[in-house]
Amino acid sequence: MKIYVDADACPVKDIIIDEATKKSIPVKIVKSFSHFSNADDPEGVETIYVDHGSDAADYRIMALAQKNDLIVTQDYGLASLALGKGCIVLHHKGFTYTQSNIDALLQTRHINAKARRGGFRTKGPKALTEEDREKFRTLLKQKISN
């Protein structure tokens, strides 16, 4: 198992690195060059930079990921593709994407995008709380312990 992180807007990279390091699971952080950093990666962590196109990180993750790898993303489209490849997919708010919930999530995303194109305002995501972070940590620990 490897862990791939759709990292440009991921607020739980520290948790992922912390928990993966304890289990010696390699972590691949995929982010755009616009988020470039000279900081050294911890052992077992590799940062992969991609062009700043809207789906460049998604395409790279899908090219690299294998069945049973774990992917952390808030992108429902990437989650859907990864599920089709047999990956375990987690959202940073502490829930698992599944074949049972992905269609409803994609449908909601579509309806909201259509409303925004029509001039309506939709609510953005709620701020990440400490409770969300702990929920994610618990879920991640469960998934990498299997």
N, C-alpha and C. Protein backbone atom coordinates (compact mmCIF):
# COMPACT_ATOMS: atom_id res chain seq x y z
N MET A 1 0.85 -1.20 0.00
CA MET A 1 0.00 0.00 0.00
C MET A 1 0.88 1.24 0.00
N LYS A 2 0.44 2.20 -0.81
CA LYS A 2 1.01 3.55 -0.79
C LYS A 2 -0.15 4.51 -0.54
N ILE A 3 0.18 5.67 -0.01
CA ILE A 3 -0.82 6.71 0.20
C ILE A 3 -0.51 7.86 -0.74
N TYR A 4 -1.53 8.25 -1.53
CA TYR A 4 -1.42 9.39 -2.43
C TYR A 4 -2.29 10.51 -1.88
N VAL A 5 -1.73 11.71 -1.84
CA VAL A 5 -2.44 12.85 -1.29
C VAL A 5 -2.63 13.90 -2.38
N ASP A 6 -3.88 14.23 -2.67
CA ASP A 6 -4.24 15.33 -3.56
C ASP A 6 -4.02 16.58 -2.70
N ALA A 7 -2.81 17.14 -2.78
CA ALA A 7 -2.31 17.97 -1.69
C ALA A 7 -2.49 19.46 -1.79
N ASP A 8 -2.89 20.02 -2.93
CA ASP A 8 -2.93 21.48 -3.03
C ASP A 8 -3.79 22.12 -1.94
N ALA A 9 -4.89 21.52 -1.60
CA ALA A 9 -5.77 22.11 -0.58
C ALA A 9 -6.04 21.13 0.56
N CYS A 10 -5.13 20.20 0.80
CA CYS A 10 -5.36 19.19 1.83
C CYS A 10 -4.90 19.69 3.20
N PRO A 11 -5.83 19.83 4.14
CA PRO A 11 -5.47 20.36 5.45
C PRO A 11 -4.99 19.31 6.46
N VAL A 12 -4.87 18.05 6.04
CA VAL A 12 -4.50 16.99 6.98
C VAL A 12 -3.22 16.27 6.57
N LYS A 13 -2.36 16.93 5.79
CA LYS A 13 -1.11 16.30 5.36
C LYS A 13 -0.27 15.88 6.56
N ASP A 14 -0.26 16.70 7.59
CA ASP A 14 0.54 16.38 8.78
C ASP A 14 0.07 15.09 9.44
N ILE A 15 -1.22 14.88 9.51
CA ILE A 15 -1.77 13.65 10.10
C ILE A 15 -1.40 12.45 9.24
N ILE A 16 -1.53 12.60 7.93
CA ILE A 16 -1.21 11.50 7.02
C ILE A 16 0.24 11.09 7.17
N ILE A 17 1.13 12.06 7.16
CA ILE A 17 2.56 11.78 7.29
C ILE A 17 2.86 11.13 8.63
N ASP A 18 2.27 11.66 9.69
CA ASP A 18 2.50 11.14 11.03
C ASP A 18 2.08 9.67 11.14
N GLU A 19 0.87 9.37 10.71
CA GLU A 19 0.35 8.01 10.85
C GLU A 19 1.03 7.03 9.88
N ALA A 20 1.30 7.48 8.66
CA ALA A 20 1.95 6.60 7.67
C ALA A 20 3.37 6.26 8.10
N THR A 21 4.07 7.24 8.66
CA THR A 21 5.44 7.02 9.11
C THR A 21 5.48 5.95 10.20
N LYS A 22 4.52 5.96 11.09
CA LYS A 22 4.46 4.95 12.16
C LYS A 22 4.34 3.54 11.60
N LYS A 23 3.71 3.39 10.42
CA LYS A 23 3.48 2.09 9.80
C LYS A 23 4.44 1.82 8.64
N SER A 24 5.38 2.74 8.40
CA SER A 24 6.33 2.63 7.28
C SER A 24 5.63 2.49 5.94
N ILE A 25 4.56 3.27 5.76
CA ILE A 25 3.82 3.28 4.50
C ILE A 25 4.29 4.49 3.70
N PRO A 26 4.72 4.27 2.45
CA PRO A 26 5.16 5.40 1.64
C PRO A 26 4.02 6.38 1.34
N VAL A 27 4.35 7.67 1.37
CA VAL A 27 3.37 8.73 1.08
C VAL A 27 3.86 9.51 -0.12
N LYS A 28 2.97 9.70 -1.08
CA LYS A 28 3.25 10.50 -2.28
C LYS A 28 2.34 11.72 -2.23
N ILE A 29 2.93 12.88 -2.05
CA ILE A 29 2.18 14.13 -1.98
C ILE A 29 2.22 14.76 -3.37
N VAL A 30 1.06 14.88 -4.00
CA VAL A 30 0.99 15.39 -5.37
C VAL A 30 0.39 16.79 -5.33
N LYS A 31 1.17 17.76 -5.82
CA LYS A 31 0.70 19.14 -5.81
C LYS A 31 1.29 19.91 -6.97
N SER A 32 0.71 21.04 -7.26
CA SER A 32 1.14 21.83 -8.41
C SER A 32 2.41 22.62 -8.09
N PHE A 33 3.12 22.97 -9.16
CA PHE A 33 4.35 23.76 -9.02
C PHE A 33 4.09 25.09 -8.33
N SER A 34 2.85 25.59 -8.39
CA SER A 34 2.55 26.86 -7.74
C SER A 34 2.63 26.74 -6.21
N HIS A 35 2.71 25.52 -5.70
CA HIS A 35 2.88 25.28 -4.26
C HIS A 35 4.27 24.74 -3.95
N PHE A 36 5.25 25.08 -4.79
CA PHE A 36 6.60 24.55 -4.64
C PHE A 36 7.22 24.96 -3.30
N SER A 37 7.98 24.04 -2.74
CA SER A 37 8.67 24.30 -1.48
C SER A 37 10.06 23.67 -1.55
N ASN A 38 11.04 24.33 -0.96
CA ASN A 38 12.39 23.79 -0.87
C ASN A 38 12.57 22.90 0.36
N ALA A 39 11.55 22.81 1.18
CA ALA A 39 11.66 22.01 2.41
C ALA A 39 11.89 20.54 2.06
N ASP A 40 12.71 19.89 2.86
CA ASP A 40 12.98 18.47 2.67
C ASP A 40 11.78 17.65 3.14
N ASP A 41 11.47 16.60 2.39
CA ASP A 41 10.41 15.69 2.80
C ASP A 41 10.92 14.76 3.89
N PRO A 42 10.06 14.41 4.83
CA PRO A 42 10.45 13.42 5.83
C PRO A 42 10.73 12.07 5.14
N GLU A 43 11.42 11.20 5.81
CA GLU A 43 11.70 9.88 5.25
C GLU A 43 10.39 9.15 4.95
N GLY A 44 10.34 8.53 3.79
CA GLY A 44 9.14 7.81 3.38
C GLY A 44 8.11 8.67 2.67
N VAL A 45 8.42 9.97 2.51
CA VAL A 45 7.49 10.90 1.86
C VAL A 45 8.16 11.46 0.61
N GLU A 46 7.42 11.47 -0.49
CA GLU A 46 7.91 12.03 -1.74
C GLU A 46 6.90 13.05 -2.23
N THR A 47 7.39 14.24 -2.59
CA THR A 47 6.52 15.25 -3.18
C THR A 47 6.67 15.17 -4.69
N ILE A 48 5.54 15.07 -5.37
CA ILE A 48 5.51 15.03 -6.83
C ILE A 48 4.82 16.31 -7.30
N TYR A 49 5.54 17.10 -8.08
CA TYR A 49 4.98 18.35 -8.59
C TYR A 49 4.42 18.15 -9.99
N VAL A 50 3.29 18.79 -10.24
CA VAL A 50 2.64 18.72 -11.55
C VAL A 50 2.33 20.14 -12.01
N ASP A 51 2.01 20.28 -13.31
CA ASP A 51 1.59 21.58 -13.83
C ASP A 51 0.39 22.07 -13.03
N HIS A 52 0.11 23.35 -13.11
CA HIS A 52 -0.97 23.93 -12.31
C HIS A 52 -2.34 23.81 -12.96
N GLY A 53 -2.51 22.99 -13.98
CA GLY A 53 -3.82 22.77 -14.59
C GLY A 53 -4.78 22.18 -13.57
N SER A 54 -6.07 22.41 -13.78
CA SER A 54 -7.07 22.06 -12.78
C SER A 54 -7.12 20.58 -12.42
N ASP A 55 -6.79 19.70 -13.35
CA ASP A 55 -6.86 18.26 -13.06
C ASP A 55 -5.52 17.56 -13.13
N ALA A 56 -4.43 18.32 -13.21
CA ALA A 56 -3.10 17.72 -13.38
C ALA A 56 -2.75 16.77 -12.24
N ALA A 57 -3.03 17.16 -11.01
CA ALA A 57 -2.73 16.29 -9.86
C ALA A 57 -3.58 15.02 -9.92
N ASP A 58 -4.84 15.17 -10.30
CA ASP A 58 -5.74 14.01 -10.40
C ASP A 58 -5.20 13.01 -11.42
N TYR A 59 -4.80 13.50 -12.59
CA TYR A 59 -4.29 12.62 -13.64
C TYR A 59 -3.02 11.90 -13.18
N ARG A 60 -2.13 12.61 -12.49
CA ARG A 60 -0.89 11.98 -12.03
C ARG A 60 -1.18 10.91 -10.98
N ILE A 61 -2.07 11.23 -10.06
CA ILE A 61 -2.42 10.25 -9.03
C ILE A 61 -3.00 9.00 -9.68
N MET A 62 -3.89 9.18 -10.64
CA MET A 62 -4.51 8.02 -11.29
C MET A 62 -3.49 7.22 -12.11
N ALA A 63 -2.48 7.87 -12.65
CA ALA A 63 -1.45 7.17 -13.40
C ALA A 63 -0.57 6.33 -12.48
N LEU A 64 -0.38 6.79 -11.25
CA LEU A 64 0.53 6.12 -10.32
C LEU A 64 -0.15 5.10 -9.41
N ALA A 65 -1.37 5.37 -9.02
CA ALA A 65 -2.05 4.54 -8.01
C ALA A 65 -2.36 3.15 -8.54
N GLN A 66 -2.29 2.19 -7.63
CA GLN A 66 -2.60 0.80 -7.92
C GLN A 66 -3.76 0.36 -7.03
N LYS A 67 -4.36 -0.76 -7.37
CA LYS A 67 -5.44 -1.32 -6.56
C LYS A 67 -4.96 -1.45 -5.11
N ASN A 68 -5.84 -1.09 -4.19
CA ASN A 68 -5.60 -1.14 -2.73
C ASN A 68 -4.70 -0.03 -2.20
N ASP A 69 -4.24 0.89 -3.05
CA ASP A 69 -3.56 2.07 -2.53
C ASP A 69 -4.62 2.96 -1.90
N LEU A 70 -4.18 3.87 -1.05
CA LEU A 70 -5.10 4.77 -0.36
C LEU A 70 -4.90 6.18 -0.93
N ILE A 71 -6.00 6.84 -1.24
CA ILE A 71 -5.95 8.19 -1.80
C ILE A 71 -6.76 9.11 -0.89
N VAL A 72 -6.20 10.28 -0.59
CA VAL A 72 -6.90 11.28 0.21
C VAL A 72 -7.17 12.47 -0.71
N THR A 73 -8.46 12.78 -0.87
CA THR A 73 -8.86 13.88 -1.75
C THR A 73 -10.20 14.43 -1.32
N GLN A 74 -10.46 15.67 -1.69
CA GLN A 74 -11.80 16.22 -1.51
C GLN A 74 -12.50 16.34 -2.86
N ASP A 75 -11.84 15.86 -3.91
CA ASP A 75 -12.36 15.94 -5.27
C ASP A 75 -13.20 14.70 -5.58
N TYR A 76 -14.50 14.88 -5.75
CA TYR A 76 -15.40 13.75 -5.98
C TYR A 76 -15.10 13.04 -7.30
N GLY A 77 -14.67 13.79 -8.31
CA GLY A 77 -14.34 13.18 -9.59
C GLY A 77 -13.16 12.23 -9.46
N LEU A 78 -12.10 12.69 -8.79
CA LEU A 78 -10.93 11.84 -8.55
C LEU A 78 -11.33 10.63 -7.71
N ALA A 79 -12.16 10.86 -6.69
CA ALA A 79 -12.61 9.76 -5.84
C ALA A 79 -13.33 8.70 -6.67
N SER A 80 -14.18 9.12 -7.59
CA SER A 80 -14.91 8.19 -8.43
C SER A 80 -13.97 7.36 -9.29
N LEU A 81 -12.99 8.00 -9.91
CA LEU A 81 -12.02 7.29 -10.73
C LEU A 81 -11.21 6.31 -9.89
N ALA A 82 -10.79 6.74 -8.72
CA ALA A 82 -9.98 5.89 -7.85
C ALA A 82 -10.77 4.68 -7.35
N LEU A 83 -12.03 4.87 -7.04
CA LEU A 83 -12.86 3.72 -6.64
C LEU A 83 -12.95 2.71 -7.77
N GLY A 84 -13.07 3.20 -9.00
CA GLY A 84 -13.12 2.31 -10.15
C GLY A 84 -11.85 1.52 -10.34
N LYS A 85 -10.74 2.03 -9.82
CA LYS A 85 -9.45 1.36 -9.92
C LYS A 85 -9.20 0.43 -8.73
N GLY A 86 -10.13 0.43 -7.77
CA GLY A 86 -9.99 -0.45 -6.62
C GLY A 86 -9.19 0.14 -5.47
N CYS A 87 -9.09 1.47 -5.44
CA CYS A 87 -8.36 2.14 -4.36
C CYS A 87 -9.29 2.42 -3.18
N ILE A 88 -8.69 2.64 -2.03
CA ILE A 88 -9.40 3.10 -0.84
C ILE A 88 -9.32 4.63 -0.89
N VAL A 89 -10.46 5.30 -0.77
CA VAL A 89 -10.46 6.76 -0.95
C VAL A 89 -11.10 7.43 0.26
N LEU A 90 -10.36 8.36 0.86
CA LEU A 90 -10.82 9.07 2.05
C LEU A 90 -10.93 10.57 1.79
N HIS A 91 -11.91 11.19 2.45
CA HIS A 91 -12.06 12.64 2.45
C HIS A 91 -11.44 13.16 3.75
N HIS A 92 -10.85 14.34 3.71
CA HIS A 92 -10.18 14.87 4.90
C HIS A 92 -11.13 15.17 6.06
N LYS A 93 -12.44 15.19 5.80
CA LYS A 93 -13.39 15.41 6.89
C LYS A 93 -13.70 14.11 7.64
N GLY A 94 -13.08 13.00 7.21
CA GLY A 94 -13.21 11.77 7.98
C GLY A 94 -14.28 10.83 7.49
N PHE A 95 -14.52 10.78 6.18
CA PHE A 95 -15.42 9.75 5.67
C PHE A 95 -14.77 9.05 4.48
N THR A 96 -15.23 7.83 4.23
CA THR A 96 -14.73 7.02 3.13
C THR A 96 -15.66 7.16 1.94
N TYR A 97 -15.09 7.40 0.78
CA TYR A 97 -15.87 7.35 -0.45
C TYR A 97 -16.12 5.87 -0.77
N THR A 98 -17.34 5.55 -1.16
CA THR A 98 -17.68 4.17 -1.49
C THR A 98 -18.51 4.14 -2.77
N GLN A 99 -18.69 2.95 -3.31
CA GLN A 99 -19.57 2.79 -4.46
C GLN A 99 -21.00 3.20 -4.09
N SER A 100 -21.33 3.09 -2.80
CA SER A 100 -22.68 3.42 -2.34
C SER A 100 -22.94 4.92 -2.23
N ASN A 101 -21.89 5.72 -1.97
CA ASN A 101 -22.14 7.15 -1.76
C ASN A 101 -21.62 8.06 -2.88
N ILE A 102 -20.80 7.53 -3.78
CA ILE A 102 -20.16 8.41 -4.76
C ILE A 102 -21.17 9.00 -5.75
N ASP A 103 -22.17 8.23 -6.17
CA ASP A 103 -23.14 8.77 -7.13
C ASP A 103 -23.90 9.96 -6.56
N ALA A 104 -24.32 9.86 -5.31
CA ALA A 104 -25.05 10.96 -4.67
C ALA A 104 -24.14 12.19 -4.52
N LEU A 105 -22.88 11.97 -4.17
CA LEU A 105 -21.95 13.09 -4.03
C LEU A 105 -21.73 13.78 -5.38
N LEU A 106 -21.54 12.99 -6.44
CA LEU A 106 -21.36 13.56 -7.77
C LEU A 106 -22.61 14.30 -8.23
N GLN A 107 -23.78 13.76 -7.93
CA GLN A 107 -25.04 14.40 -8.31
C GLN A 107 -25.19 15.75 -7.61
N THR A 108 -24.88 15.79 -6.33
CA THR A 108 -24.94 17.05 -5.57
C THR A 108 -23.98 18.07 -6.15
N ARG A 109 -22.77 17.63 -6.50
CA ARG A 109 -21.78 18.53 -7.09
C ARG A 109 -22.32 19.10 -8.41
N HIS A 110 -22.92 18.25 -9.21
CA HIS A 110 -23.47 18.67 -10.50
C HIS A 110 -24.60 19.70 -10.31
N ILE A 111 -25.50 19.43 -9.40
CA ILE A 111 -26.63 20.33 -9.15
C ILE A 111 -26.13 21.69 -8.67
N ASN A 112 -25.15 21.68 -7.76
CA ASN A 112 -24.60 22.94 -7.25
C ASN A 112 -23.88 23.72 -8.35
N ALA A 113 -23.14 23.03 -9.20
CA ALA A 113 -22.44 23.71 -10.30
C ALA A 113 -23.44 24.31 -11.27
N LYS A 114 -24.50 23.58 -11.55
CA LYS A 114 -25.54 24.08 -12.45
C LYS A 114 -26.21 25.33 -11.86
N ALA A 115 -26.47 25.31 -10.55
CA ALA A 115 -27.07 26.46 -9.89
C ALA A 115 -26.15 27.67 -9.95
N ARG A 116 -24.85 27.45 -9.73
CA ARG A 116 -23.90 28.57 -9.78
C ARG A 116 -23.83 29.16 -11.19
N ARG A 117 -23.86 28.29 -12.20
CA ARG A 117 -23.86 28.80 -13.58
C ARG A 117 -25.12 29.62 -13.87
N GLY A 118 -26.20 29.29 -13.17
CA GLY A 118 -27.45 30.03 -13.33
C GLY A 118 -27.52 31.30 -12.50
N GLY A 119 -26.42 31.63 -11.80
CA GLY A 119 -26.37 32.86 -11.02
C GLY A 119 -26.73 32.71 -9.56
N PHE A 120 -27.04 31.51 -9.13
CA PHE A 120 -27.37 31.28 -7.72
C PHE A 120 -26.09 31.08 -6.92
N ARG A 121 -26.18 31.46 -5.67
CA ARG A 121 -25.06 31.23 -4.75
C ARG A 121 -25.31 29.96 -3.98
N THR A 122 -24.26 29.17 -3.83
CA THR A 122 -24.36 27.95 -3.02
C THR A 122 -23.39 28.08 -1.86
N LYS A 123 -23.68 27.37 -0.80
CA LYS A 123 -22.81 27.40 0.37
C LYS A 123 -21.52 26.66 0.08
N GLY A 124 -20.44 27.18 0.60
CA GLY A 124 -19.15 26.50 0.51
C GLY A 124 -19.05 25.49 1.64
N PRO A 125 -17.95 24.76 1.66
CA PRO A 125 -17.78 23.77 2.72
C PRO A 125 -17.58 24.44 4.08
N LYS A 126 -18.01 23.75 5.11
CA LYS A 126 -17.80 24.25 6.47
C LYS A 126 -16.31 24.15 6.80
N ALA A 127 -15.85 25.02 7.69
CA ALA A 127 -14.46 25.02 8.10
C ALA A 127 -14.11 23.69 8.78
N LEU A 128 -12.88 23.25 8.58
CA LEU A 128 -12.41 22.02 9.22
C LEU A 128 -12.24 22.27 10.71
N THR A 129 -12.81 21.39 11.51
CA THR A 129 -12.71 21.53 12.97
C THR A 129 -11.70 20.53 13.52
N GLU A 130 -11.35 20.72 14.77
CA GLU A 130 -10.46 19.76 15.43
C GLU A 130 -11.13 18.39 15.52
N GLU A 131 -12.44 18.39 15.68
CA GLU A 131 -13.20 17.13 15.71
C GLU A 131 -13.08 16.41 14.35
N ASP A 132 -13.15 17.18 13.25
CA ASP A 132 -12.97 16.60 11.92
C ASP A 132 -11.58 16.00 11.77
N ARG A 133 -10.58 16.71 12.26
CA ARG A 133 -9.20 16.22 12.17
C ARG A 133 -9.03 14.91 12.93
N GLU A 134 -9.62 14.82 14.10
CA GLU A 134 -9.52 13.58 14.88
C GLU A 134 -10.31 12.45 14.25
N LYS A 135 -11.46 12.79 13.67
CA LYS A 135 -12.26 11.79 12.95
C LYS A 135 -11.45 11.23 11.77
N PHE A 136 -10.77 12.13 11.05
CA PHE A 136 -9.93 11.68 9.94
C PHE A 136 -8.79 10.80 10.44
N ARG A 137 -8.12 11.21 11.51
CA ARG A 137 -7.00 10.43 12.05
C ARG A 137 -7.46 9.01 12.41
N THR A 138 -8.61 8.92 13.08
CA THR A 138 -9.15 7.61 13.48
C THR A 138 -9.44 6.75 12.26
N LEU A 139 -10.07 7.34 11.24
CA LEU A 139 -10.40 6.60 10.02
C LEU A 139 -9.13 6.15 9.30
N LEU A 140 -8.16 7.04 9.18
CA LEU A 140 -6.91 6.70 8.52
C LEU A 140 -6.20 5.55 9.24
N LYS A 141 -6.12 5.64 10.55
CA LYS A 141 -5.48 4.57 11.33
C LYS A 141 -6.18 3.23 11.10
N GLN A 142 -7.50 3.27 11.04
CA GLN A 142 -8.27 2.05 10.79
C GLN A 142 -7.93 1.48 9.42
N LYS A 143 -7.90 2.33 8.40
CA LYS A 143 -7.68 1.86 7.02
C LYS A 143 -6.26 1.33 6.81
N ILE A 144 -5.28 1.92 7.47
CA ILE A 144 -3.90 1.45 7.25
C ILE A 144 -3.52 0.30 8.18
N SER A 145 -4.38 -0.02 9.12
CA SER A 145 -4.13 -1.15 10.02
C SER A 145 -4.66 -2.45 9.45
N ASN A 146 -5.53 -2.37 8.43
CA ASN A 146 -6.12 -3.59 7.85
C ASN A 146 -5.12 -4.37 7.05
